[in-house]
Amino acid sequence: MRTRQEIMLHQAILHITAPESVEIYPNNRFDVLKDKVLIARYGGECYVMAMLAVGHIDICVEYSLQPYDIIL
């Protein structure tokens, strides 16, 4: 496994669980980050972590990660 290397922010693929989770923290300026990346994708936590680990995405934003999401 290998993450993508030397990716500029405007080339990055951003992944977040769901757009609704952004509303929990209205002062986080997620909209600024989203506007600077190539694409924003949405989906499940465990899948996202694997995608990040193998270099299919570059940034993962998770507002509600729980121990059961990562503990085997």
C-alpha atoms as a PDB file:
ATOM      1  CA  MET A   1       0.000   0.000   0.000  1.00  0.00           C
ATOM      2  CA  ARG A   2       1.145   3.504  -0.717  1.00  0.00           C
ATOM      3  CA  THR A   3      -0.517   6.887  -0.568  1.00  0.00           C
ATOM      4  CA  ARG A   4      -0.220   9.316  -3.462  1.00  0.00           C
ATOM      5  CA  GLN A   5       2.846  11.517  -3.163  1.00  0.00           C
ATOM      6  CA  GLU A   6       3.428  15.220  -3.857  1.00  0.00           C
ATOM      7  CA  ILE A   7      -0.198  16.075  -4.600  1.00  0.00           C
ATOM      8  CA  MET A   8      -1.045  19.767  -4.547  1.00  0.00           C
ATOM      9  CA  LEU A   9      -4.295  20.775  -2.842  1.00  0.00           C
ATOM     10  CA  HIS A  10      -5.974  21.673  -6.138  1.00  0.00           C
ATOM     11  CA  GLN A  11      -5.248  18.106  -7.354  1.00  0.00           C
ATOM     12  CA  ALA A  12      -6.454  16.375  -4.190  1.00  0.00           C
ATOM     13  CA  ILE A  13      -9.451  14.096  -3.860  1.00  0.00           C
ATOM     14  CA  LEU A  14     -11.328  14.854  -0.650  1.00  0.00           C
ATOM     15  CA  HIS A  15     -13.604  12.361   1.050  1.00  0.00           C
ATOM     16  CA  ILE A  16     -16.102  12.995   3.827  1.00  0.00           C
ATOM     17  CA  THR A  17     -18.707  10.666   5.301  1.00  0.00           C
ATOM     18  CA  ALA A  18     -21.726  12.869   4.554  1.00  0.00           C
ATOM     19  CA  PRO A  19     -22.268  16.556   3.823  1.00  0.00           C
ATOM     20  CA  GLU A  20     -24.729  16.752   6.722  1.00  0.00           C
ATOM     21  CA  SER A  21     -21.932  16.140   9.238  1.00  0.00           C
ATOM     22  CA  VAL A  22     -20.364  19.486   8.284  1.00  0.00           C
ATOM     23  CA  GLU A  23     -23.350  21.296   9.793  1.00  0.00           C
ATOM     24  CA  ILE A  24     -22.386  19.994  13.258  1.00  0.00           C
ATOM     25  CA  TYR A  25     -19.377  22.342  13.253  1.00  0.00           C
ATOM     26  CA  PRO A  26     -20.456  25.492  11.372  1.00  0.00           C
ATOM     27  CA  ASN A  27     -17.199  27.385  12.060  1.00  0.00           C
ATOM     28  CA  ASN A  28     -14.868  24.757  10.607  1.00  0.00           C
ATOM     29  CA  ARG A  29     -14.661  26.414   7.143  1.00  0.00           C
ATOM     30  CA  PHE A  30     -15.122  23.108   5.323  1.00  0.00           C
ATOM     31  CA  ASP A  31     -16.517  25.043   2.377  1.00  0.00           C
ATOM     32  CA  VAL A  32     -13.122  26.677   1.853  1.00  0.00           C
ATOM     33  CA  LEU A  33     -11.367  23.299   1.749  1.00  0.00           C
ATOM     34  CA  LYS A  34     -14.013  21.797  -0.529  1.00  0.00           C
ATOM     35  CA  ASP A  35     -13.645  24.691  -2.994  1.00  0.00           C
ATOM     36  CA  LYS A  36      -9.861  24.193  -3.231  1.00  0.00           C
ATOM     37  CA  VAL A  37      -9.745  20.462  -4.010  1.00  0.00           C
ATOM     38  CA  LEU A  38     -10.287  18.722  -7.334  1.00  0.00           C
ATOM     39  CA  ILE A  39     -13.324  16.729  -6.174  1.00  0.00           C
ATOM     40  CA  ALA A  40     -15.237  15.935  -2.984  1.00  0.00           C
ATOM     41  CA  ARG A  41     -16.665  12.446  -2.515  1.00  0.00           C
ATOM     42  CA  TYR A  42     -19.016  11.079   0.123  1.00  0.00           C
ATOM     43  CA  GLY A  43     -19.344   7.616   1.700  1.00  0.00           C
ATOM     44  CA  GLY A  44     -18.652   5.249   4.620  1.00  0.00           C
ATOM     45  CA  GLU A  45     -15.874   5.465   7.202  1.00  0.00           C
ATOM     46  CA  CYS A  46     -14.081   2.116   6.904  1.00  0.00           C
ATOM     47  CA  TYR A  47     -14.068   2.223   3.125  1.00  0.00           C
ATOM     48  CA  VAL A  48     -12.635   5.749   3.197  1.00  0.00           C
ATOM     49  CA  MET A  49      -9.721   4.786   5.444  1.00  0.00           C
ATOM     50  CA  ALA A  50      -8.777   1.945   3.094  1.00  0.00           C
ATOM     51  CA  MET A  51      -9.040   4.264   0.073  1.00  0.00           C
ATOM     52  CA  LEU A  52      -6.723   6.749   1.810  1.00  0.00           C
ATOM     53  CA  ALA A  53      -4.225   4.021   2.701  1.00  0.00           C
ATOM     54  CA  VAL A  54      -3.900   2.771  -0.869  1.00  0.00           C
ATOM     55  CA  GLY A  55      -3.766   6.215  -2.461  1.00  0.00           C
ATOM     56  CA  HIS A  56      -7.167   6.427  -4.136  1.00  0.00           C
ATOM     57  CA  ILE A  57      -8.040   9.585  -2.185  1.00  0.00           C
ATOM     58  CA  ASP A  58      -5.820  12.232  -0.608  1.00  0.00           C
ATOM     59  CA  ILE A  59      -7.781  13.833   2.236  1.00  0.00           C
ATOM     60  CA  CYS A  60     -10.277  12.272   4.624  1.00  0.00           C
ATOM     61  CA  VAL A  61     -12.471  14.433   6.856  1.00  0.00           C
ATOM     62  CA  GLU A  62     -14.373  12.515   9.509  1.00  0.00           C
ATOM     63  CA  TYR A  63     -16.392  14.257  12.221  1.00  0.00           C
ATOM     64  CA  SER A  64     -17.703  11.249  14.098  1.00  0.00           C
ATOM     65  CA  LEU A  65     -15.160   8.442  13.918  1.00  0.00           C
ATOM     66  CA  GLN A  66     -15.860   5.862  16.615  1.00  0.00           C
ATOM     67  CA  PRO A  67     -13.532   3.148  18.035  1.00  0.00           C
ATOM     68  CA  TYR A  68     -15.570   0.422  16.300  1.00  0.00           C
ATOM     69  CA  ASP A  69     -14.784   2.057  12.943  1.00  0.00           C
ATOM     70  CA  ILE A  70     -11.090   1.156  13.220  1.00  0.00           C
ATOM     71  CA  ILE A  71     -10.651  -1.516  15.912  1.00  0.00           C
ATOM     72  CA  LEU A  72     -10.519  -5.099  14.739  1.00  0.00           C
END
